[in-house]
Amino acid sequence: QVQLVESGGGLVQPGGSLRLSCVGSGFDVSSYTINWHRQAPGKEREFVASIISIGTNTFYGDSVKGRFIISRDNAKNTVFLKMNNLKPEDTAVYYCQSPNWALWGQGTQVTVSS
């Protein structure tokens, strides 16, 4: 079965860090572009970050640039999103996506609050 499964969300204080994981099964994530998106209550889904299939090119949304880092561990078939200096406005459900496979994960909740 081809799927993506996210984990690593939780409650963190402002200024803290979290690392989200997106584990692929049924296909090799290193061969495909993987995106992270997020959706806050009452808002549209927002692009967060992307890691391109060839090489290590990465792209970030303006709101997370300089704070978030997307990376890939091919041995674990996993894409990570390291989130630093978190702000309350980062609160959202975070989803990973494979556009080539038209796949979305189920999402993981991130809440930034004191």
Protein backbone atom coordinates (compact mmCIF):
# COMPACT_ATOMS: atom_id res chain seq x y z
CA GLN A 1 0.00 0.00 0.00
CA VAL A 2 1.33 3.40 -1.01
CA GLN A 3 0.99 5.90 1.82
CA LEU A 4 2.55 8.69 3.86
CA VAL A 5 2.32 8.80 7.65
CA GLU A 6 3.21 11.89 9.71
CA SER A 7 4.22 11.99 13.35
CA GLY A 8 6.01 14.23 15.83
CA GLY A 9 3.42 16.90 16.48
CA GLY A 10 2.50 18.13 19.92
CA LEU A 11 2.28 21.08 22.27
CA VAL A 12 5.31 23.34 22.51
CA GLN A 13 5.98 26.75 24.03
CA PRO A 14 6.79 29.77 21.86
CA GLY A 15 10.46 29.73 20.92
CA GLY A 16 10.62 25.96 21.16
CA SER A 17 11.35 23.32 18.54
CA LEU A 18 9.74 20.21 17.12
CA ARG A 19 10.72 17.71 14.45
CA LEU A 20 8.01 16.20 12.30
CA SER A 21 8.49 12.95 10.41
CA CYS A 22 6.83 11.77 7.20
CA VAL A 23 7.40 8.08 6.56
CA GLY A 24 6.69 6.73 3.12
CA SER A 25 5.65 3.17 2.35
CA GLY A 26 5.15 1.45 -0.98
CA PHE A 27 7.46 3.85 -2.79
CA ASP A 28 10.91 5.38 -2.45
CA VAL A 29 10.57 8.94 -1.09
CA SER A 30 14.08 9.78 -2.28
CA SER A 31 12.90 9.50 -5.88
CA TYR A 32 10.06 11.98 -5.54
CA THR A 33 9.42 15.52 -4.43
CA ILE A 34 7.86 15.68 -0.97
CA ASN A 35 6.05 18.76 0.30
CA TRP A 36 4.91 19.89 3.74
CA HIS A 37 1.76 21.97 4.04
CA ARG A 38 -0.22 23.18 7.04
CA GLN A 39 -3.75 24.27 7.76
CA ALA A 40 -4.84 26.35 10.71
CA PRO A 41 -8.48 26.50 11.85
CA GLY A 42 -10.52 28.72 9.59
CA LYS A 43 -7.64 29.24 7.16
CA GLU A 44 -6.68 27.81 3.79
CA ARG A 45 -3.99 25.20 3.47
CA GLU A 46 -0.55 26.85 3.25
CA PHE A 47 2.65 25.64 1.61
CA VAL A 48 5.45 25.18 4.14
CA ALA A 49 8.42 23.45 2.52
CA SER A 50 9.51 21.19 -0.30
CA ILE A 51 12.43 18.89 -0.98
CA ILE A 52 13.01 18.08 -4.61
CA SER A 53 13.51 14.52 -5.81
CA ILE A 54 16.84 15.11 -7.52
CA GLY A 55 19.68 16.33 -5.34
CA THR A 56 18.95 18.26 -2.16
CA ASN A 57 17.20 21.39 -3.41
CA THR A 58 14.75 22.76 -0.87
CA PHE A 59 12.15 25.52 -0.90
CA TYR A 60 10.28 27.26 1.90
CA GLY A 61 7.23 29.40 2.39
CA ASP A 62 7.97 32.99 3.37
CA SER A 63 6.44 32.59 6.82
CA VAL A 64 8.85 29.79 7.82
CA LYS A 65 11.99 30.69 5.89
CA GLY A 66 15.02 30.77 8.19
CA ARG A 67 13.22 28.84 10.96
CA PHE A 68 12.21 25.51 9.41
CA ILE A 69 14.46 22.94 7.75
CA ILE A 70 13.29 20.12 5.50
CA SER A 71 15.53 17.09 5.07
CA ARG A 72 15.43 13.48 4.00
CA ASP A 73 16.83 10.22 5.40
CA ASN A 74 16.84 7.78 2.51
CA ALA A 75 17.71 4.79 4.70
CA LYS A 76 14.56 5.41 6.74
CA ASN A 77 12.45 6.41 3.72
CA THR A 78 11.52 9.48 5.74
CA VAL A 79 11.29 13.23 5.21
CA PHE A 80 11.72 15.46 8.25
CA LEU A 81 10.59 18.98 9.04
CA LYS A 82 12.64 20.56 11.82
CA MET A 83 10.78 23.55 13.19
CA ASN A 84 12.73 26.07 15.28
CA ASN A 85 11.75 29.28 17.06
CA LEU A 86 8.10 28.29 16.89
CA LYS A 87 5.44 30.99 17.12
CA PRO A 88 1.76 30.79 18.07
CA GLU A 89 0.89 31.46 14.42
CA ASP A 90 2.61 28.18 13.50
CA THR A 91 -0.25 26.33 15.20
CA ALA A 92 -1.86 24.10 12.57
CA VAL A 93 -2.27 20.57 11.32
CA TYR A 94 0.81 19.70 9.29
CA TYR A 95 0.54 17.40 6.28
CA CYS A 96 3.15 15.84 4.03
CA GLN A 97 2.35 15.32 0.38
CA SER A 98 3.70 13.50 -2.64
CA PRO A 99 2.39 15.33 -5.70
CA ASN A 100 3.64 12.61 -8.05
CA TRP A 101 1.62 9.95 -6.24
CA ALA A 102 -1.30 12.31 -5.44
CA LEU A 103 -0.80 11.28 -1.83
CA TRP A 104 -1.46 13.13 1.42
CA GLY A 105 -0.76 11.95 4.93
CA GLN A 106 -3.36 12.09 7.69
CA GLY A 107 -1.75 15.11 9.35
CA THR A 108 -0.19 15.81 12.73
CA GLN A 109 -1.28 18.60 15.07
CA VAL A 110 1.22 21.24 16.17
CA THR A 111 0.15 23.66 18.89
CA VAL A 112 2.39 26.53 19.98
CA SER A 113 1.17 28.04 23.22
CA SER A 114 2.41 29.12 26.61
